[in-house]
Structures are given as structure tokens and as C-alpha cells.
PDB file of N, CA and C in Angstrom:
ATOM      1  N   MET A   1       0.881  -1.076   0.099  1.00  0.00           N
ATOM      2  CA  MET A   1       0.255   0.044   0.031  1.00  0.00           C
ATOM      3  C   MET A   1       0.929   1.301  -0.196  1.00  0.00           C
ATOM      4  N   ASN A   2       0.621   2.208  -0.972  1.00  0.00           N
ATOM      5  CA  ASN A   2       1.210   3.492  -1.001  1.00  0.00           C
ATOM      6  C   ASN A   2       0.723   4.301   0.254  1.00  0.00           C
ATOM      7  N   ARG A   3       2.027   4.890   0.693  1.00  0.00           N
ATOM      8  CA  ARG A   3       1.472   5.848   1.908  1.00  0.00           C
ATOM      9  C   ARG A   3       1.618   7.175   1.403  1.00  0.00           C
ATOM     10  N   PRO A   4       0.900   8.274   2.080  1.00  0.00           N
ATOM     11  CA  PRO A   4       1.035   9.490   1.267  1.00  0.00           C
ATOM     12  C   PRO A   4       2.267  10.089   2.122  1.00  0.00           C
ATOM     13  N   THR A   5       3.211  10.899   1.182  1.00  0.00           N
ATOM     14  CA  THR A   5       4.408  11.355   2.156  1.00  0.00           C
ATOM     15  C   THR A   5       3.907  12.535   2.522  1.00  0.00           C
ATOM     16  N   THR A   6       3.326  13.412   2.350  1.00  0.00           N
ATOM     17  CA  THR A   6       2.869  14.562   3.037  1.00  0.00           C
ATOM     18  C   THR A   6       1.214  14.665   3.630  1.00  0.00           C
ATOM     19  N   SER A   7       1.122  15.292   4.700  1.00  0.00           N
ATOM     20  CA  SER A   7      -0.353  15.216   4.474  1.00  0.00           C
ATOM     21  C   SER A   7      -0.482  16.877   4.712  1.00  0.00           C
ATOM     22  N   THR A   8      -2.078  17.265   4.238  1.00  0.00           N
ATOM     23  CA  THR A   8      -2.344  18.528   4.564  1.00  0.00           C
ATOM     24  C   THR A   8      -3.392  18.855   5.357  1.00  0.00           C
ATOM     25  N   PRO A   9      -3.259  19.232   6.558  1.00  0.00           N
ATOM     26  CA  PRO A   9      -3.913  19.531   7.545  1.00  0.00           C
ATOM     27  C   PRO A   9      -5.368  20.227   7.190  1.00  0.00           C
ATOM     28  N   VAL A  10      -5.950  20.077   8.318  1.00  0.00           N
ATOM     29  CA  VAL A  10      -7.221  20.591   7.958  1.00  0.00           C
ATOM     30  C   VAL A  10      -7.112  22.127   9.176  1.00  0.00           C
ATOM     31  N   ALA A  11      -7.276  23.508   8.173  1.00  0.00           N
ATOM     32  CA  ALA A  11      -7.383  24.160   8.873  1.00  0.00           C
ATOM     33  C   ALA A  11      -8.986  24.346  10.210  1.00  0.00           C
ATOM     34  N   THR A  12      -8.859  24.881  11.316  1.00  0.00           N
ATOM     35  CA  THR A  12     -10.465  24.431  11.751  1.00  0.00           C
ATOM     36  C   THR A  12     -11.456  25.713  11.228  1.00  0.00           C
ATOM     37  N   SER A  13     -10.921  26.933  10.251  1.00  0.00           N
ATOM     38  CA  SER A  13     -11.672  27.569   9.808  1.00  0.00           C
ATOM     39  C   SER A  13     -11.933  26.598   8.853  1.00  0.00           C
ATOM     40  N   GLN A  14     -11.354  25.808   8.311  1.00  0.00           N
ATOM     41  CA  GLN A  14     -12.269  25.108   6.960  1.00  0.00           C
ATOM     42  C   GLN A  14     -13.313  24.131   7.402  1.00  0.00           C
ATOM     43  N   VAL A  15     -13.542  23.800   8.716  1.00  0.00           N
ATOM     44  CA  VAL A  15     -14.371  22.591   9.303  1.00  0.00           C
ATOM     45  C   VAL A  15     -15.742  23.311   9.919  1.00  0.00           C
ATOM     46  N   THR A  16     -16.812  22.854   9.110  1.00  0.00           N
ATOM     47  CA  THR A  16     -18.058  23.783   9.241  1.00  0.00           C
ATOM     48  C   THR A  16     -19.100  22.767  10.307  1.00  0.00           C
ATOM     49  N   ALA A  17     -19.676  23.788  11.526  1.00  0.00           N
ATOM     50  CA  ALA A  17     -20.365  23.269  12.105  1.00  0.00           C
ATOM     51  C   ALA A  17     -21.489  21.840  11.381  1.00  0.00           C
ATOM     52  N   PRO A  18     -22.018  21.421  12.177  1.00  0.00           N
ATOM     53  CA  PRO A  18     -23.062  20.760  11.686  1.00  0.00           C
ATOM     54  C   PRO A  18     -24.586  21.444  11.576  1.00  0.00           C
ATOM     55  N   ALA A  19     -25.344  21.304  10.975  1.00  0.00           N
ATOM     56  CA  ALA A  19     -26.833  22.459  10.537  1.00  0.00           C
ATOM     57  C   ALA A  19     -27.474  22.115  12.382  1.00  0.00           C
ATOM     58  N   THR A  20     -27.754  21.219  12.945  1.00  0.00           N
ATOM     59  CA  THR A  20     -28.135  21.122  14.343  1.00  0.00           C
ATOM     60  C   THR A  20     -26.573  20.600  15.553  1.00  0.00           C
ATOM     61  N   ALA A  21     -26.702  21.203  16.553  1.00  0.00           N
ATOM     62  CA  ALA A  21     -25.816  20.651  17.773  1.00  0.00           C
ATOM     63  C   ALA A  21     -26.001  19.345  18.087  1.00  0.00           C
ATOM     64  N   PRO A  22     -25.043  18.414  18.216  1.00  0.00           N
ATOM     65  CA  PRO A  22     -25.573  17.675  18.790  1.00  0.00           C
ATOM     66  C   PRO A  22     -25.544  17.467  20.305  1.00  0.00           C
ATOM     67  N   ALA A  23     -26.009  16.481  21.003  1.00  0.00           N
ATOM     68  CA  ALA A  23     -26.920  16.396  22.096  1.00  0.00           C
ATOM     69  C   ALA A  23     -25.211  16.711  23.012  1.00  0.00           C
ATOM     70  N   SER A  24     -25.667  17.100  24.245  1.00  0.00           N
ATOM     71  CA  SER A  24     -24.584  17.029  25.424  1.00  0.00           C
ATOM     72  C   SER A  24     -23.717  15.674  25.561  1.00  0.00           C
ATOM     73  N   GLY A  25     -22.886  15.304  24.982  1.00  0.00           N
ATOM     74  CA  GLY A  25     -22.121  14.300  25.322  1.00  0.00           C
ATOM     75  C   GLY A  25     -21.709  13.830  24.002  1.00  0.00           C
ATOM     76  N   ALA A  26     -22.620  13.988  22.945  1.00  0.00           N
ATOM     77  CA  ALA A  26     -22.588  13.393  21.871  1.00  0.00           C
ATOM     78  C   ALA A  26     -21.542  13.647  20.815  1.00  0.00           C
ATOM     79  N   ALA A  27     -21.222  12.984  20.000  1.00  0.00           N
ATOM     80  CA  ALA A  27     -20.062  13.259  19.030  1.00  0.00           C
ATOM     81  C   ALA A  27     -20.792  14.258  18.184  1.00  0.00           C
ATOM     82  N   PRO A  28     -20.091  15.243  17.504  1.00  0.00           N
ATOM     83  CA  PRO A  28     -19.929  16.149  16.808  1.00  0.00           C
ATOM     84  C   PRO A  28     -20.187  15.292  15.318  1.00  0.00           C
ATOM     85  N   VAL A  29     -20.585  15.758  14.548  1.00  0.00           N
ATOM     86  CA  VAL A  29     -21.214  15.273  13.001  1.00  0.00           C
ATOM     87  C   VAL A  29     -20.497  16.269  12.342  1.00  0.00           C
ATOM     88  N   LEU A  30     -19.505  15.473  11.325  1.00  0.00           N
ATOM     89  CA  LEU A  30     -19.229  15.913   9.881  1.00  0.00           C
ATOM     90  C   LEU A  30     -19.381  15.553   8.673  1.00  0.00           C
ATOM     91  N   SER A  31     -20.082  16.192   7.766  1.00  0.00           N
ATOM     92  CA  SER A  31     -20.058  15.637   6.562  1.00  0.00           C
ATOM     93  C   SER A  31     -18.917  15.252   5.609  1.00  0.00           C
ATOM     94  N   SER A  32     -18.781  13.975   5.210  1.00  0.00           N
ATOM     95  CA  SER A  32     -17.811  13.398   4.220  1.00  0.00           C
ATOM     96  C   SER A  32     -17.415  14.680   3.001  1.00  0.00           C
ATOM     97  N   GLN A  33     -18.239  15.325   2.795  1.00  0.00           N
ATOM     98  CA  GLN A  33     -17.528  16.300   2.089  1.00  0.00           C
ATOM     99  C   GLN A  33     -16.809  17.511   2.569  1.00  0.00           C
ATOM    100  N   THR A  34     -17.139  17.943   3.606  1.00  0.00           N
ATOM    101  CA  THR A  34     -16.078  18.434   4.985  1.00  0.00           C
ATOM    102  C   THR A  34     -14.747  17.857   4.539  1.00  0.00           C
ATOM    103  N   VAL A  35     -14.903  16.811   5.111  1.00  0.00           N
ATOM    104  CA  VAL A  35     -13.691  16.029   5.627  1.00  0.00           C
ATOM    105  C   VAL A  35     -12.749  15.994   4.025  1.00  0.00           C
ATOM    106  N   LEU A  36     -13.284  15.357   3.180  1.00  0.00           N
ATOM    107  CA  LEU A  36     -12.426  14.897   1.891  1.00  0.00           C
ATOM    108  C   LEU A  36     -12.402  16.243   1.341  1.00  0.00           C
ATOM    109  N   GLN A  37     -13.051  17.536   1.405  1.00  0.00           N
ATOM    110  CA  GLN A  37     -12.978  18.752   0.644  1.00  0.00           C
ATOM    111  C   GLN A  37     -12.812  18.812  -0.817  1.00  0.00           C
ATOM    112  N   GLY A  38     -13.598  17.801  -1.482  1.00  0.00           N
ATOM    113  CA  GLY A  38     -13.481  17.253  -2.930  1.00  0.00           C
ATOM    114  C   GLY A  38     -12.582  16.505  -3.007  1.00  0.00           C
ATOM    115  N   ARG A  39     -11.686  15.825  -2.255  1.00  0.00           N
ATOM    116  CA  ARG A  39     -11.179  14.724  -3.110  1.00  0.00           C
ATOM    117  C   ARG A  39     -11.276  13.556  -3.023  1.00  0.00           C
ATOM    118  N   SER A  40     -10.745  12.641  -3.277  1.00  0.00           N
ATOM    119  CA  SER A  40     -11.209  11.083  -3.356  1.00  0.00           C
ATOM    120  C   SER A  40     -10.796  10.331  -2.152  1.00  0.00           C
ATOM    121  N   GLN A  41      -9.351  11.311  -1.455  1.00  0.00           N
ATOM    122  CA  GLN A  41      -9.010  10.798  -0.502  1.00  0.00           C
ATOM    123  C   GLN A  41      -8.298  11.469   0.393  1.00  0.00           C
ATOM    124  N   VAL A  42      -8.088  11.329   1.700  1.00  0.00           N
ATOM    125  CA  VAL A  42      -7.306  12.094   2.438  1.00  0.00           C
ATOM    126  C   VAL A  42      -6.266  11.184   3.679  1.00  0.00           C
ATOM    127  N   ALA A  43      -5.381  11.827   3.909  1.00  0.00           N
ATOM    128  CA  ALA A  43      -4.551  11.040   5.026  1.00  0.00           C
ATOM    129  C   ALA A  43      -5.069  11.883   6.412  1.00  0.00           C
ATOM    130  N   ILE A  44      -5.064  10.729   7.220  1.00  0.00           N
ATOM    131  CA  ILE A  44      -5.285  11.205   8.472  1.00  0.00           C
ATOM    132  C   ILE A  44      -4.500  10.582   9.118  1.00  0.00           C
ATOM    133  N   GLU A  45      -3.297  11.269   9.967  1.00  0.00           N
ATOM    134  CA  GLU A  45      -2.522  11.000  11.288  1.00  0.00           C
ATOM    135  C   GLU A  45      -3.253  10.722  12.613  1.00  0.00           C
ATOM    136  N   HIS A  46      -3.010   9.882  13.134  1.00  0.00           N
ATOM    137  CA  HIS A  46      -3.919   9.476  14.302  1.00  0.00           C
ATOM    138  C   HIS A  46      -2.716   8.772  15.501  1.00  0.00           C
ATOM    139  N   ASN A  47      -2.495   9.141  16.369  1.00  0.00           N
ATOM    140  CA  ASN A  47      -1.119   8.680  17.298  1.00  0.00           C
ATOM    141  C   ASN A  47      -0.122   7.848  16.609  1.00  0.00           C
ATOM    142  N   GLY A  48       0.396   8.981  15.804  1.00  0.00           N
ATOM    143  CA  GLY A  48       1.466   8.442  15.050  1.00  0.00           C
ATOM    144  C   GLY A  48       1.873   7.780  13.773  1.00  0.00           C
ATOM    145  N   ALA A  49       0.370   7.255  13.490  1.00  0.00           N
ATOM    146  CA  ALA A  49       0.257   6.251  12.241  1.00  0.00           C
ATOM    147  C   ALA A  49      -0.873   7.157  11.351  1.00  0.00           C
ATOM    148  N   VAL A  50      -0.350   6.673  10.001  1.00  0.00           N
ATOM    149  CA  VAL A  50      -1.075   7.698   8.867  1.00  0.00           C
ATOM    150  C   VAL A  50      -2.084   6.831   8.824  1.00  0.00           C
ATOM    151  N   TYR A  51      -3.400   6.921   8.371  1.00  0.00           N
ATOM    152  CA  TYR A  51      -4.564   6.123   7.757  1.00  0.00           C
ATOM    153  C   TYR A  51      -4.983   7.072   6.861  1.00  0.00           C
ATOM    154  N   ARG A  52      -5.654   6.258   5.971  1.00  0.00           N
ATOM    155  CA  ARG A  52      -6.286   6.696   4.688  1.00  0.00           C
ATOM    156  C   ARG A  52      -7.877   6.442   4.359  1.00  0.00           C
ATOM    157  N   LEU A  53      -8.467   7.576   4.490  1.00  0.00           N
ATOM    158  CA  LEU A  53     -10.121   7.897   4.478  1.00  0.00           C
ATOM    159  C   LEU A  53     -10.321   7.675   2.750  1.00  0.00           C
ATOM    160  N   GLN A  54     -10.768   6.862   2.184  1.00  0.00           N
ATOM    161  CA  GLN A  54     -11.230   7.092   0.654  1.00  0.00           C
ATOM    162  C   GLN A  54     -12.494   6.636   0.122  1.00  0.00           C
ATOM    163  N   THR A  55     -13.064   7.483  -0.984  1.00  0.00           N
ATOM    164  CA  THR A  55     -14.364   6.954  -1.354  1.00  0.00           C
ATOM    165  C   THR A  55     -14.359   5.776  -2.130  1.00  0.00           C
ATOM    166  N   THR A  56     -15.381   5.000  -2.520  1.00  0.00           N
ATOM    167  CA  THR A  56     -15.326   4.037  -3.692  1.00  0.00           C
ATOM    168  C   THR A  56     -16.036   4.540  -4.784  1.00  0.00           C
ATOM    169  N   ARG A  57     -16.223   3.988  -5.821  1.00  0.00           N
ATOM    170  CA  ARG A  57     -17.180   4.556  -7.005  1.00  0.00           C
ATOM    171  C   ARG A  57     -18.629   4.516  -6.351  1.00  0.00           C
ATOM    172  N   GLN A  58     -18.869   3.548  -5.732  1.00  0.00           N
ATOM    173  CA  GLN A  58     -20.104   3.173  -5.452  1.00  0.00           C
ATOM    174  C   GLN A  58     -20.875   4.188  -4.028  1.00  0.00           C
ATOM    175  N   GLY A  59     -19.867   5.051  -3.844  1.00  0.00           N
ATOM    176  CA  GLY A  59     -20.158   6.233  -2.956  1.00  0.00           C
ATOM    177  C   GLY A  59     -20.116   6.166  -1.436  1.00  0.00           C
ATOM    178  N   LYS A  60     -18.980   4.984  -1.205  1.00  0.00           N
ATOM    179  CA  LYS A  60     -19.016   4.258   0.537  1.00  0.00           C
ATOM    180  C   LYS A  60     -17.392   5.123   0.580  1.00  0.00           C
ATOM    181  N   LEU A  61     -17.717   4.693   2.145  1.00  0.00           N
ATOM    182  CA  LEU A  61     -16.163   5.373   2.595  1.00  0.00           C
ATOM    183  C   LEU A  61     -15.054   4.206   3.150  1.00  0.00           C
ATOM    184  N   ILE A  62     -14.201   4.172   2.824  1.00  0.00           N
ATOM    185  CA  ILE A  62     -12.904   2.970   3.404  1.00  0.00           C
ATOM    186  C   ILE A  62     -11.927   3.947   4.203  1.00  0.00           C
ATOM    187  N   LEU A  63     -11.658   3.591   5.417  1.00  0.00           N
ATOM    188  CA  LEU A  63     -10.513   3.851   6.017  1.00  0.00           C
ATOM    189  C   LEU A  63      -9.023   2.412   6.370  1.00  0.00           C
ATOM    190  N   THR A  64      -8.349   2.972   5.702  1.00  0.00           N
ATOM    191  CA  THR A  64      -6.941   1.772   5.865  1.00  0.00           C
ATOM    192  C   THR A  64      -5.890   2.506   6.547  1.00  0.00           C
ATOM    193  N   LYS A  65      -5.243   1.270   7.178  1.00  0.00           N
ATOM    194  CA  LYS A  65      -3.897   1.748   8.075  1.00  0.00           C
ATOM    195  C   LYS A  65      -2.655   1.457   7.104  1.00  0.00           C
TER     196      LYS A  65
END
């Protein structure tokens, strides 16, 4: 598997809040369009590991390490 050599951080100003605020203690909801920003895949760094979030031709999401 090819790992991205660079990652593009998402600036806080680029993340939009959901239309309605989640209930207290609930996880916030982000649209996939907000996370992907028009791309078919993005790299996500988590605890020192790089994961890849990508869309399929059928419109589903895949998260791989």
C-alpha cells in the first residue's frame, strides 16, 4: 500500500459545524464533503500512524492503515 509522504492539515476555519448541534456528550457530526474537501482520499494522522480515508465508486467510505 502506498502511504502519502505529506499530509494536508485541515484548518479549523475550514471545518463547518453541523446544521444542528449534537446533544450534550454526543460526538459532533462532520459531512464527508467537509472532511474530503472535493478529494477522493485524505490522509489522517492518529497516534503517530497515518490512515487513509477514501471514497469508492459506489460512494462508500473506506478507512485503511
